[in-house]
Amino acid sequence: MKKIIFDLDDTLYSDKDLRERREEEILRFLEDRKTEYMKLKKNGKGTIESFKLMGFSREDFFRVMENVNISLMKDILLIKILKDLKKVYQIYVLSNSSKKVVEKTLLQLGILDIIDKYYCGESFKNEKPDEECFFMVEKGDICVGNSFRKDLEVPKNKGAITILIGKENNKADFNIKNIYEITKILFIEEDLKS
């Protein structure tokens, strides 16, 4: 059975308030090194990558993120979409977040029991886009994410079908505005109407 491998944050859900509160917590943690962090981010470095360049560990990042309360609503439409996809695909989640954050997020969205497997920051020595993180991707699988570089580039090179959420990018096989448009790509829209 083919797999669909989803990124989590800003892919399976998007919450501007949570993103802002996480960024505030990062800046609070960094105190007088905020400017250094902002410069790294402006130059295209990811959050964990910036932490590492500043001498902090992934575990430091995990602790900071776990300090931010997650309060997401159960997503009935997402549940329906994933249940329909599960009839044809195995459903995986691959996130750079800690296991605690990933489990809490999936539980609050109401999809934890739908997911066949999930991998989190502690699952690997390095974070995405390290090739090790995509060991489960095989030719013909589908990978969905909001960053081509972090979520889709390695899978595309392995022969996966790539779906980029939120922005246009001619490197991905498909571009959609949000997770709910995946039904148009995977031709399950009719199933959702019944």
N, C-alpha and C. Protein backbone atom coordinates (compact mmCIF):
# COMPACT_ATOMS: atom_id res chain seq x y z
N MET A 1 0.84 -1.18 0.00
CA MET A 1 0.00 0.00 0.00
C MET A 1 0.89 1.25 0.00
N LYS A 2 0.57 2.18 -0.87
CA LYS A 2 1.32 3.43 -0.94
C LYS A 2 1.07 4.27 0.31
N LYS A 3 1.99 5.21 0.54
CA LYS A 3 1.91 6.06 1.72
C LYS A 3 1.71 7.52 1.32
N ILE A 4 1.04 8.25 2.20
CA ILE A 4 1.04 9.71 2.13
C ILE A 4 1.76 10.17 3.39
N ILE A 5 2.82 10.93 3.21
CA ILE A 5 3.61 11.42 4.34
C ILE A 5 3.38 12.93 4.44
N PHE A 6 2.77 13.33 5.55
CA PHE A 6 2.44 14.73 5.78
C PHE A 6 3.42 15.38 6.76
N ASP A 7 3.82 16.61 6.46
CA ASP A 7 4.42 17.46 7.47
C ASP A 7 3.26 17.82 8.41
N LEU A 8 3.55 18.38 9.57
CA LEU A 8 2.48 18.70 10.52
C LEU A 8 2.14 20.19 10.54
N ASP A 9 3.02 21.01 11.10
CA ASP A 9 2.74 22.44 11.28
C ASP A 9 2.63 23.15 9.94
N ASP A 10 1.58 23.93 9.78
CA ASP A 10 1.30 24.69 8.56
C ASP A 10 1.08 23.79 7.35
N THR A 11 0.80 22.52 7.61
CA THR A 11 0.44 21.58 6.55
C THR A 11 -0.90 20.93 6.89
N LEU A 12 -0.93 20.10 7.94
CA LEU A 12 -2.20 19.49 8.34
C LEU A 12 -3.10 20.48 9.07
N TYR A 13 -2.53 21.55 9.57
CA TYR A 13 -3.30 22.62 10.19
C TYR A 13 -2.48 23.90 10.08
N SER A 14 -3.16 25.01 10.23
CA SER A 14 -2.48 26.31 10.25
C SER A 14 -3.15 27.14 11.34
N ASP A 15 -2.35 27.68 12.25
CA ASP A 15 -2.89 28.48 13.34
C ASP A 15 -1.94 29.66 13.58
N LYS A 16 -2.34 30.80 13.07
CA LYS A 16 -1.50 32.01 13.15
C LYS A 16 -1.20 32.38 14.60
N ASP A 17 -2.19 32.30 15.47
CA ASP A 17 -2.01 32.65 16.87
C ASP A 17 -0.96 31.74 17.53
N LEU A 18 -1.04 30.44 17.29
CA LEU A 18 -0.08 29.49 17.86
C LEU A 18 1.32 29.78 17.32
N ARG A 19 1.43 30.05 16.03
CA ARG A 19 2.73 30.37 15.43
C ARG A 19 3.33 31.61 16.08
N GLU A 20 2.50 32.63 16.30
CA GLU A 20 2.98 33.88 16.93
C GLU A 20 3.40 33.64 18.39
N ARG A 21 2.63 32.85 19.12
CA ARG A 21 2.98 32.56 20.51
C ARG A 21 4.27 31.75 20.61
N ARG A 22 4.48 30.86 19.66
CA ARG A 22 5.73 30.10 19.63
C ARG A 22 6.91 31.02 19.35
N GLU A 23 6.74 31.93 18.42
CA GLU A 23 7.82 32.87 18.10
C GLU A 23 8.12 33.77 19.30
N GLU A 24 7.09 34.22 19.99
CA GLU A 24 7.28 35.04 21.20
C GLU A 24 8.06 34.27 22.26
N GLU A 25 7.75 32.98 22.43
CA GLU A 25 8.44 32.15 23.42
C GLU A 25 9.91 31.96 23.03
N ILE A 26 10.17 31.80 21.74
CA ILE A 26 11.55 31.68 21.26
C ILE A 26 12.31 32.95 21.58
N LEU A 27 11.74 34.10 21.26
CA LEU A 27 12.41 35.39 21.50
C LEU A 27 12.62 35.63 22.99
N ARG A 28 11.65 35.22 23.82
CA ARG A 28 11.80 35.35 25.27
C ARG A 28 12.98 34.49 25.75
N PHE A 29 13.06 33.26 25.24
CA PHE A 29 14.15 32.35 25.60
C PHE A 29 15.51 32.91 25.19
N LEU A 30 15.58 33.50 24.01
CA LEU A 30 16.85 33.98 23.48
C LEU A 30 17.32 35.29 24.11
N GLU A 31 16.40 36.01 24.74
CA GLU A 31 16.69 37.27 25.43
C GLU A 31 17.53 38.20 24.58
N ASP A 32 18.79 38.43 24.98
CA ASP A 32 19.63 39.42 24.30
C ASP A 32 20.21 38.93 22.98
N ARG A 33 19.88 37.72 22.57
CA ARG A 33 20.39 37.20 21.29
C ARG A 33 19.31 37.17 20.21
N LYS A 34 18.21 37.90 20.45
CA LYS A 34 17.09 37.94 19.50
C LYS A 34 17.52 38.41 18.12
N THR A 35 18.35 39.45 18.07
CA THR A 35 18.77 40.04 16.80
C THR A 35 19.55 39.02 15.97
N GLU A 36 20.42 38.27 16.62
CA GLU A 36 21.20 37.23 15.94
C GLU A 36 20.26 36.19 15.32
N TYR A 37 19.26 35.79 16.09
CA TYR A 37 18.28 34.81 15.62
C TYR A 37 17.50 35.36 14.43
N MET A 38 17.04 36.59 14.54
CA MET A 38 16.23 37.21 13.47
C MET A 38 17.05 37.31 12.18
N LYS A 39 18.34 37.61 12.31
CA LYS A 39 19.22 37.69 11.14
C LYS A 39 19.33 36.33 10.45
N LEU A 40 19.51 35.29 11.23
CA LEU A 40 19.59 33.94 10.68
C LEU A 40 18.30 33.57 9.95
N LYS A 41 17.17 33.86 10.56
CA LYS A 41 15.87 33.57 9.96
C LYS A 41 15.69 34.35 8.66
N LYS A 42 16.10 35.61 8.68
CA LYS A 42 15.97 36.46 7.49
C LYS A 42 16.82 35.91 6.34
N ASN A 43 17.92 35.26 6.69
CA ASN A 43 18.81 34.68 5.67
C ASN A 43 18.39 33.26 5.28
N GLY A 44 17.17 32.87 5.61
CA GLY A 44 16.62 31.61 5.14
C GLY A 44 16.89 30.39 6.01
N LYS A 45 17.43 30.60 7.19
CA LYS A 45 17.68 29.47 8.09
C LYS A 45 16.38 29.10 8.80
N GLY A 46 16.18 27.81 9.02
CA GLY A 46 15.02 27.35 9.77
C GLY A 46 15.20 27.61 11.25
N THR A 47 14.16 27.43 12.01
CA THR A 47 14.20 27.71 13.44
C THR A 47 15.21 26.82 14.17
N ILE A 48 15.12 25.50 13.96
CA ILE A 48 16.04 24.59 14.64
C ILE A 48 17.47 24.82 14.15
N GLU A 49 17.60 25.04 12.86
CA GLU A 49 18.92 25.32 12.29
C GLU A 49 19.52 26.58 12.93
N SER A 50 18.69 27.60 13.11
CA SER A 50 19.15 28.84 13.76
C SER A 50 19.58 28.57 15.19
N PHE A 51 18.79 27.80 15.90
CA PHE A 51 19.14 27.43 17.29
C PHE A 51 20.51 26.77 17.33
N LYS A 52 20.73 25.80 16.43
CA LYS A 52 22.00 25.07 16.41
C LYS A 52 23.16 26.02 16.10
N LEU A 53 22.98 26.91 15.12
CA LEU A 53 24.04 27.85 14.75
C LEU A 53 24.38 28.80 15.90
N MET A 54 23.40 29.00 16.79
CA MET A 54 23.62 29.88 17.93
C MET A 54 24.17 29.11 19.14
N GLY A 55 24.39 27.81 18.97
CA GLY A 55 24.97 27.02 20.05
C GLY A 55 23.97 26.31 20.94
N PHE A 56 22.69 26.34 20.58
CA PHE A 56 21.66 25.64 21.35
C PHE A 56 21.40 24.29 20.70
N SER A 57 20.79 23.39 21.45
CA SER A 57 20.49 22.05 20.94
C SER A 57 19.03 21.95 20.50
N ARG A 58 18.74 20.85 19.82
CA ARG A 58 17.34 20.57 19.46
C ARG A 58 16.51 20.40 20.73
N GLU A 59 17.12 19.81 21.76
CA GLU A 59 16.41 19.61 23.02
C GLU A 59 16.02 20.96 23.64
N ASP A 60 16.90 21.97 23.49
CA ASP A 60 16.54 23.32 23.95
C ASP A 60 15.31 23.82 23.19
N PHE A 61 15.32 23.61 21.88
CA PHE A 61 14.18 24.01 21.05
C PHE A 61 12.91 23.28 21.49
N PHE A 62 13.02 21.96 21.71
CA PHE A 62 11.85 21.19 22.14
C PHE A 62 11.28 21.74 23.44
N ARG A 63 12.15 22.05 24.40
CA ARG A 63 11.68 22.58 25.69
C ARG A 63 10.97 23.91 25.52
N VAL A 64 11.50 24.77 24.67
CA VAL A 64 10.86 26.07 24.42
C VAL A 64 9.47 25.85 23.82
N MET A 65 9.37 24.97 22.82
CA MET A 65 8.07 24.73 22.17
C MET A 65 7.06 24.08 23.11
N GLU A 66 7.55 23.23 24.00
CA GLU A 66 6.64 22.56 24.94
C GLU A 66 6.09 23.51 25.99
N ASN A 67 6.71 24.69 26.12
CA ASN A 67 6.20 25.72 27.04
C ASN A 67 4.99 26.46 26.48
N VAL A 68 4.74 26.31 25.19
CA VAL A 68 3.64 27.02 24.54
C VAL A 68 2.40 26.14 24.54
N ASN A 69 1.32 26.65 25.12
CA ASN A 69 0.08 25.90 25.18
C ASN A 69 -0.51 25.73 23.77
N ILE A 70 -0.88 24.50 23.46
CA ILE A 70 -1.53 24.20 22.17
C ILE A 70 -3.02 24.08 22.44
N SER A 71 -3.80 24.87 21.72
CA SER A 71 -5.26 24.77 21.89
C SER A 71 -5.91 24.83 20.50
N LEU A 72 -5.94 23.67 19.87
CA LEU A 72 -6.52 23.55 18.54
C LEU A 72 -7.89 22.90 18.63
N MET A 73 -8.72 23.22 17.68
CA MET A 73 -10.06 22.62 17.62
C MET A 73 -10.00 21.32 16.81
N LYS A 74 -10.86 20.39 17.17
CA LYS A 74 -11.01 19.17 16.38
C LYS A 74 -11.44 19.60 14.98
N ASP A 75 -10.78 19.06 13.96
CA ASP A 75 -11.04 19.46 12.57
C ASP A 75 -11.83 18.36 11.87
N ILE A 76 -13.15 18.52 11.84
CA ILE A 76 -14.05 17.50 11.30
C ILE A 76 -13.78 17.23 9.83
N LEU A 77 -13.55 18.29 9.03
CA LEU A 77 -13.30 18.09 7.60
C LEU A 77 -11.97 17.37 7.39
N LEU A 78 -10.95 17.74 8.14
CA LEU A 78 -9.65 17.05 8.02
C LEU A 78 -9.80 15.57 8.40
N ILE A 79 -10.56 15.30 9.45
CA ILE A 79 -10.80 13.91 9.86
C ILE A 79 -11.44 13.13 8.71
N LYS A 80 -12.44 13.72 8.08
CA LYS A 80 -13.14 13.08 6.95
C LYS A 80 -12.18 12.82 5.79
N ILE A 81 -11.37 13.83 5.45
CA ILE A 81 -10.42 13.69 4.35
C ILE A 81 -9.42 12.57 4.63
N LEU A 82 -8.85 12.57 5.83
CA LEU A 82 -7.85 11.55 6.17
C LEU A 82 -8.46 10.15 6.23
N LYS A 83 -9.69 10.03 6.72
CA LYS A 83 -10.35 8.72 6.74
C LYS A 83 -10.57 8.21 5.32
N ASP A 84 -10.94 9.12 4.40
CA ASP A 84 -11.12 8.71 3.01
C ASP A 84 -9.78 8.32 2.38
N LEU A 85 -8.74 9.10 2.66
CA LEU A 85 -7.41 8.77 2.12
C LEU A 85 -6.91 7.43 2.66
N LYS A 86 -7.25 7.14 3.90
CA LYS A 86 -6.79 5.91 4.56
C LYS A 86 -7.35 4.65 3.88
N LYS A 87 -8.42 4.80 3.13
CA LYS A 87 -8.96 3.66 2.40
C LYS A 87 -8.00 3.19 1.30
N VAL A 88 -7.13 4.10 0.87
CA VAL A 88 -6.24 3.81 -0.25
C VAL A 88 -4.76 3.88 0.14
N TYR A 89 -4.45 4.70 1.15
CA TYR A 89 -3.05 4.96 1.52
C TYR A 89 -2.82 4.72 3.00
N GLN A 90 -1.56 4.43 3.35
CA GLN A 90 -1.14 4.51 4.74
C GLN A 90 -0.86 5.99 5.02
N ILE A 91 -1.23 6.47 6.20
CA ILE A 91 -1.08 7.88 6.55
C ILE A 91 0.06 8.03 7.56
N TYR A 92 1.09 8.79 7.17
CA TYR A 92 2.23 9.06 8.03
C TYR A 92 2.33 10.56 8.30
N VAL A 93 2.88 10.90 9.44
CA VAL A 93 3.21 12.29 9.76
C VAL A 93 4.70 12.34 10.09
N LEU A 94 5.38 13.33 9.55
CA LEU A 94 6.81 13.52 9.76
C LEU A 94 7.04 14.97 10.15
N SER A 95 7.43 15.18 11.42
CA SER A 95 7.57 16.53 11.96
C SER A 95 8.91 16.70 12.66
N ASN A 96 9.42 17.92 12.64
CA ASN A 96 10.64 18.24 13.39
C ASN A 96 10.33 18.57 14.85
N SER A 97 9.06 18.63 15.21
CA SER A 97 8.67 18.94 16.58
C SER A 97 8.90 17.74 17.50
N SER A 98 8.87 17.99 18.80
CA SER A 98 9.05 16.91 19.78
C SER A 98 7.85 15.96 19.77
N LYS A 99 8.08 14.75 20.28
CA LYS A 99 7.02 13.75 20.35
C LYS A 99 5.83 14.28 21.15
N LYS A 100 6.12 14.96 22.26
CA LYS A 100 5.05 15.51 23.10
C LYS A 100 4.18 16.50 22.33
N VAL A 101 4.81 17.38 21.58
CA VAL A 101 4.08 18.39 20.80
C VAL A 101 3.30 17.73 19.66
N VAL A 102 3.92 16.78 18.96
CA VAL A 102 3.26 16.09 17.85
C VAL A 102 2.02 15.34 18.35
N GLU A 103 2.17 14.57 19.42
CA GLU A 103 1.03 13.80 19.94
C GLU A 103 -0.11 14.72 20.38
N LYS A 104 0.23 15.79 21.09
CA LYS A 104 -0.81 16.71 21.56
C LYS A 104 -1.53 17.37 20.38
N THR A 105 -0.78 17.75 19.36
CA THR A 105 -1.37 18.38 18.18
C THR A 105 -2.30 17.42 17.46
N LEU A 106 -1.84 16.20 17.20
CA LEU A 106 -2.66 15.20 16.50
C LEU A 106 -3.91 14.86 17.31
N LEU A 107 -3.77 14.77 18.62
CA LEU A 107 -4.91 14.48 19.50
C LEU A 107 -5.94 15.60 19.43
N GLN A 108 -5.49 16.84 19.53
CA GLN A 108 -6.43 17.96 19.52
C GLN A 108 -7.13 18.10 18.17
N LEU A 109 -6.43 17.81 17.08
CA LEU A 109 -7.05 17.87 15.76
C LEU A 109 -8.04 16.72 15.56
N GLY A 110 -7.95 15.71 16.41
CA GLY A 110 -8.85 14.56 16.32
C GLY A 110 -8.39 13.51 15.33
N ILE A 111 -7.09 13.49 15.00
CA ILE A 111 -6.60 12.58 13.96
C ILE A 111 -5.56 11.58 14.45
N LEU A 112 -5.24 11.60 15.72
CA LEU A 112 -4.19 10.70 16.24
C LEU A 112 -4.48 9.24 15.89
N ASP A 113 -5.73 8.82 16.04
CA ASP A 113 -6.06 7.41 15.79
C ASP A 113 -6.17 7.07 14.30
N ILE A 114 -6.12 8.07 13.44
CA ILE A 114 -6.18 7.84 11.98
C ILE A 114 -4.76 7.62 11.42
N ILE A 115 -3.79 8.21 12.08
CA ILE A 115 -2.41 8.17 11.60
C ILE A 115 -1.83 6.77 11.82
N ASP A 116 -1.27 6.19 10.76
CA ASP A 116 -0.65 4.86 10.88
C ASP A 116 0.66 4.92 11.63
N LYS A 117 1.51 5.92 11.28
CA LYS A 117 2.80 6.10 11.96
C LYS A 117 3.13 7.58 11.96
N TYR A 118 3.83 7.99 13.00
CA TYR A 118 4.35 9.35 12.99
C TYR A 118 5.78 9.34 13.51
N TYR A 119 6.54 10.26 12.95
CA TYR A 119 7.94 10.43 13.33
C TYR A 119 8.12 11.87 13.76
N CYS A 120 8.90 12.06 14.81
CA CYS A 120 9.08 13.39 15.37
C CYS A 120 10.57 13.70 15.50
N GLY A 121 10.88 14.85 16.06
CA GLY A 121 12.26 15.29 16.18
C GLY A 121 13.17 14.28 16.84
N GLU A 122 12.69 13.59 17.85
CA GLU A 122 13.52 12.61 18.56
C GLU A 122 13.75 11.33 17.76
N SER A 123 13.02 11.15 16.68
CA SER A 123 13.13 9.92 15.89
C SER A 123 14.44 9.81 15.11
N PHE A 124 15.10 10.95 14.90
CA PHE A 124 16.28 10.98 14.04
C PHE A 124 17.41 11.78 14.67
N LYS A 125 18.61 11.52 14.20
CA LYS A 125 19.79 12.25 14.68
C LYS A 125 19.71 13.72 14.26
N ASN A 126 19.26 13.97 13.05
CA ASN A 126 19.12 15.33 12.53
C ASN A 126 17.68 15.56 12.13
N GLU A 127 17.34 16.80 11.86
CA GLU A 127 15.98 17.14 11.46
C GLU A 127 15.86 17.24 9.94
N LYS A 128 14.60 17.28 9.47
CA LYS A 128 14.37 17.51 8.05
C LYS A 128 15.08 18.82 7.68
N PRO A 129 15.72 18.87 6.55
CA PRO A 129 15.61 17.99 5.37
C PRO A 129 16.65 16.87 5.29
N ASP A 130 17.25 16.46 6.39
CA ASP A 130 18.24 15.39 6.35
C ASP A 130 17.61 14.14 5.71
N GLU A 131 18.34 13.52 4.82
CA GLU A 131 17.82 12.38 4.06
C GLU A 131 17.37 11.23 4.96
N GLU A 132 18.03 11.06 6.10
CA GLU A 132 17.67 10.00 7.05
C GLU A 132 16.19 10.08 7.44
N CYS A 133 15.66 11.28 7.54
CA CYS A 133 14.26 11.48 7.98
C CYS A 133 13.25 10.91 6.98
N PHE A 134 13.69 10.70 5.76
CA PHE A 134 12.77 10.26 4.70
C PHE A 134 13.02 8.80 4.31
N PHE A 135 13.53 8.02 5.25
CA PHE A 135 13.86 6.63 4.96
C PHE A 135 12.64 5.85 4.47
N MET A 136 11.44 6.23 4.90
CA MET A 136 10.24 5.47 4.58
C MET A 136 9.66 5.81 3.21
N VAL A 137 10.16 6.87 2.58
CA VAL A 137 9.61 7.31 1.29
C VAL A 137 10.09 6.39 0.17
N GLU A 138 9.12 5.91 -0.61
CA GLU A 138 9.42 5.08 -1.77
C GLU A 138 8.83 5.72 -3.01
N LYS A 139 9.34 5.32 -4.15
CA LYS A 139 8.83 5.83 -5.42
C LYS A 139 7.32 5.63 -5.48
N GLY A 140 6.61 6.69 -5.86
CA GLY A 140 5.15 6.62 -5.97
C GLY A 140 4.40 7.03 -4.72
N ASP A 141 5.09 7.13 -3.58
CA ASP A 141 4.45 7.67 -2.38
C ASP A 141 4.13 9.14 -2.61
N ILE A 142 3.31 9.71 -1.75
CA ILE A 142 2.94 11.12 -1.84
C ILE A 142 3.45 11.83 -0.60
N CYS A 143 4.13 12.96 -0.80
CA CYS A 143 4.62 13.76 0.31
C CYS A 143 3.99 15.14 0.24
N VAL A 144 3.50 15.62 1.39
CA VAL A 144 2.79 16.88 1.47
C VAL A 144 3.45 17.75 2.53
N GLY A 145 3.79 18.98 2.18
CA GLY A 145 4.42 19.87 3.14
C GLY A 145 4.29 21.33 2.72
N ASN A 146 4.71 22.21 3.62
CA ASN A 146 4.62 23.65 3.34
C ASN A 146 5.98 24.25 2.99
N SER A 147 7.03 23.43 2.94
CA SER A 147 8.36 23.89 2.56
C SER A 147 8.95 22.90 1.57
N PHE A 148 9.23 23.35 0.35
CA PHE A 148 9.80 22.43 -0.63
C PHE A 148 11.15 21.92 -0.13
N ARG A 149 12.00 22.82 0.34
CA ARG A 149 13.35 22.44 0.78
C ARG A 149 13.31 21.43 1.92
N LYS A 150 12.49 21.69 2.95
CA LYS A 150 12.49 20.82 4.14
C LYS A 150 11.64 19.57 3.98
N ASP A 151 10.52 19.68 3.30
CA ASP A 151 9.55 18.58 3.29
C ASP A 151 9.50 17.76 2.00
N LEU A 152 9.91 18.36 0.88
CA LEU A 152 9.62 17.73 -0.41
C LEU A 152 10.81 17.45 -1.31
N GLU A 153 11.89 18.16 -1.15
CA GLU A 153 13.02 18.01 -2.08
C GLU A 153 13.60 16.60 -2.06
N VAL A 154 13.89 16.06 -0.88
CA VAL A 154 14.43 14.70 -0.79
C VAL A 154 13.42 13.69 -1.32
N PRO A 155 12.14 13.75 -0.89
CA PRO A 155 11.16 12.81 -1.44
C PRO A 155 11.03 12.88 -2.97
N LYS A 156 11.06 14.08 -3.52
CA LYS A 156 10.97 14.22 -4.99
C LYS A 156 12.14 13.50 -5.65
N ASN A 157 13.33 13.66 -5.08
CA ASN A 157 14.51 12.99 -5.64
C ASN A 157 14.40 11.46 -5.51
N LYS A 158 13.59 10.99 -4.58
CA LYS A 158 13.39 9.55 -4.40
C LYS A 158 12.22 9.02 -5.24
N GLY A 159 11.58 9.90 -6.02
CA GLY A 159 10.50 9.47 -6.90
C GLY A 159 9.11 9.62 -6.32
N ALA A 160 8.98 10.35 -5.21
CA ALA A 160 7.66 10.58 -4.62
C ALA A 160 6.93 11.69 -5.38
N ILE A 161 5.63 11.69 -5.28
CA ILE A 161 4.79 12.77 -5.81
C ILE A 161 4.74 13.83 -4.71
N THR A 162 4.99 15.09 -5.05
CA THR A 162 5.10 16.14 -4.04
C THR A 162 3.97 17.16 -4.18
N ILE A 163 3.41 17.51 -3.03
CA ILE A 163 2.33 18.51 -2.97
C ILE A 163 2.75 19.58 -1.99
N LEU A 164 2.89 20.81 -2.49
CA LEU A 164 3.30 21.94 -1.66
C LEU A 164 2.08 22.74 -1.26
N ILE A 165 1.97 23.05 0.02
CA ILE A 165 0.83 23.80 0.55
C ILE A 165 1.23 25.24 0.82
N GLY A 166 0.39 26.17 0.37
CA GLY A 166 0.51 27.55 0.78
C GLY A 166 1.27 28.48 -0.13
N LYS A 167 2.07 27.96 -1.05
CA LYS A 167 2.82 28.84 -1.93
C LYS A 167 3.06 28.16 -3.27
N GLU A 168 3.27 28.99 -4.26
CA GLU A 168 3.57 28.48 -5.59
C GLU A 168 5.05 28.10 -5.67
N ASN A 169 5.33 26.98 -6.31
CA ASN A 169 6.70 26.55 -6.50
C ASN A 169 6.69 25.55 -7.65
N ASN A 170 7.41 25.88 -8.69
CA ASN A 170 7.37 25.00 -9.86
C ASN A 170 8.20 23.74 -9.71
N LYS A 171 8.85 23.57 -8.55
CA LYS A 171 9.61 22.33 -8.30
C LYS A 171 8.70 21.23 -7.79
N ALA A 172 7.64 21.59 -7.09
CA ALA A 172 6.69 20.59 -6.58
C ALA A 172 5.80 20.11 -7.71
N ASP A 173 5.30 18.89 -7.60
CA ASP A 173 4.39 18.37 -8.63
C ASP A 173 3.06 19.09 -8.62
N PHE A 174 2.59 19.45 -7.41
CA PHE A 174 1.32 20.16 -7.27
C PHE A 174 1.45 21.23 -6.21
N ASN A 175 0.66 22.30 -6.35
CA ASN A 175 0.59 23.37 -5.36
C ASN A 175 -0.87 23.55 -4.97
N ILE A 176 -1.13 23.59 -3.67
CA ILE A 176 -2.49 23.86 -3.19
C ILE A 176 -2.43 24.92 -2.10
N LYS A 177 -3.56 25.60 -1.89
CA LYS A 177 -3.59 26.69 -0.90
C LYS A 177 -3.64 26.17 0.52
N ASN A 178 -4.35 25.07 0.73
CA ASN A 178 -4.49 24.51 2.08
C ASN A 178 -4.75 23.01 1.97
N ILE A 179 -4.73 22.34 3.10
CA ILE A 179 -4.85 20.88 3.13
C ILE A 179 -6.18 20.39 2.55
N TYR A 180 -7.23 21.21 2.64
CA TYR A 180 -8.54 20.78 2.17
C TYR A 180 -8.59 20.64 0.65
N GLU A 181 -7.68 21.29 -0.06
CA GLU A 181 -7.64 21.19 -1.52
C GLU A 181 -6.98 19.90 -2.00
N ILE A 182 -6.46 19.11 -1.08
CA ILE A 182 -5.81 17.85 -1.48
C ILE A 182 -6.80 16.92 -2.17
N THR A 183 -8.09 17.07 -1.86
CA THR A 183 -9.10 16.22 -2.48
C THR A 183 -9.15 16.45 -3.99
N LYS A 184 -8.85 17.67 -4.45
CA LYS A 184 -8.84 17.95 -5.89
C LYS A 184 -7.67 17.25 -6.57
N ILE A 185 -6.57 17.17 -5.88
CA ILE A 185 -5.37 16.54 -6.44
C ILE A 185 -5.51 15.02 -6.47
N LEU A 186 -6.03 14.46 -5.40
CA LEU A 186 -6.08 13.00 -5.27
C LEU A 186 -7.42 12.39 -5.68
N PHE A 187 -8.26 13.21 -6.29
CA PHE A 187 -9.49 12.74 -6.88
C PHE A 187 -10.42 11.99 -5.93
N ILE A 188 -10.54 12.51 -4.72
CA ILE A 188 -11.47 11.87 -3.78
C ILE A 188 -12.64 12.79 -3.45
N GLU A 189 -12.74 13.89 -4.22
CA GLU A 189 -13.78 14.88 -3.94
C GLU A 189 -15.17 14.26 -3.94
N GLU A 190 -15.44 13.36 -4.88
CA GLU A 190 -16.75 12.72 -4.95
C GLU A 190 -17.04 11.92 -3.68
N ASP A 191 -16.02 11.24 -3.15
CA ASP A 191 -16.20 10.46 -1.93
C ASP A 191 -16.61 11.35 -0.75
N LEU A 192 -16.09 12.58 -0.71
CA LEU A 192 -16.38 13.47 0.40
C LEU A 192 -17.83 13.96 0.38
N LYS A 193 -18.44 13.99 -0.80
CA LYS A 193 -19.82 14.50 -0.92
C LYS A 193 -20.82 13.50 -0.39
N SER A 194 -20.46 12.22 -0.39
CA SER A 194 -21.42 11.20 0.03
C SER A 194 -21.48 11.06 1.54
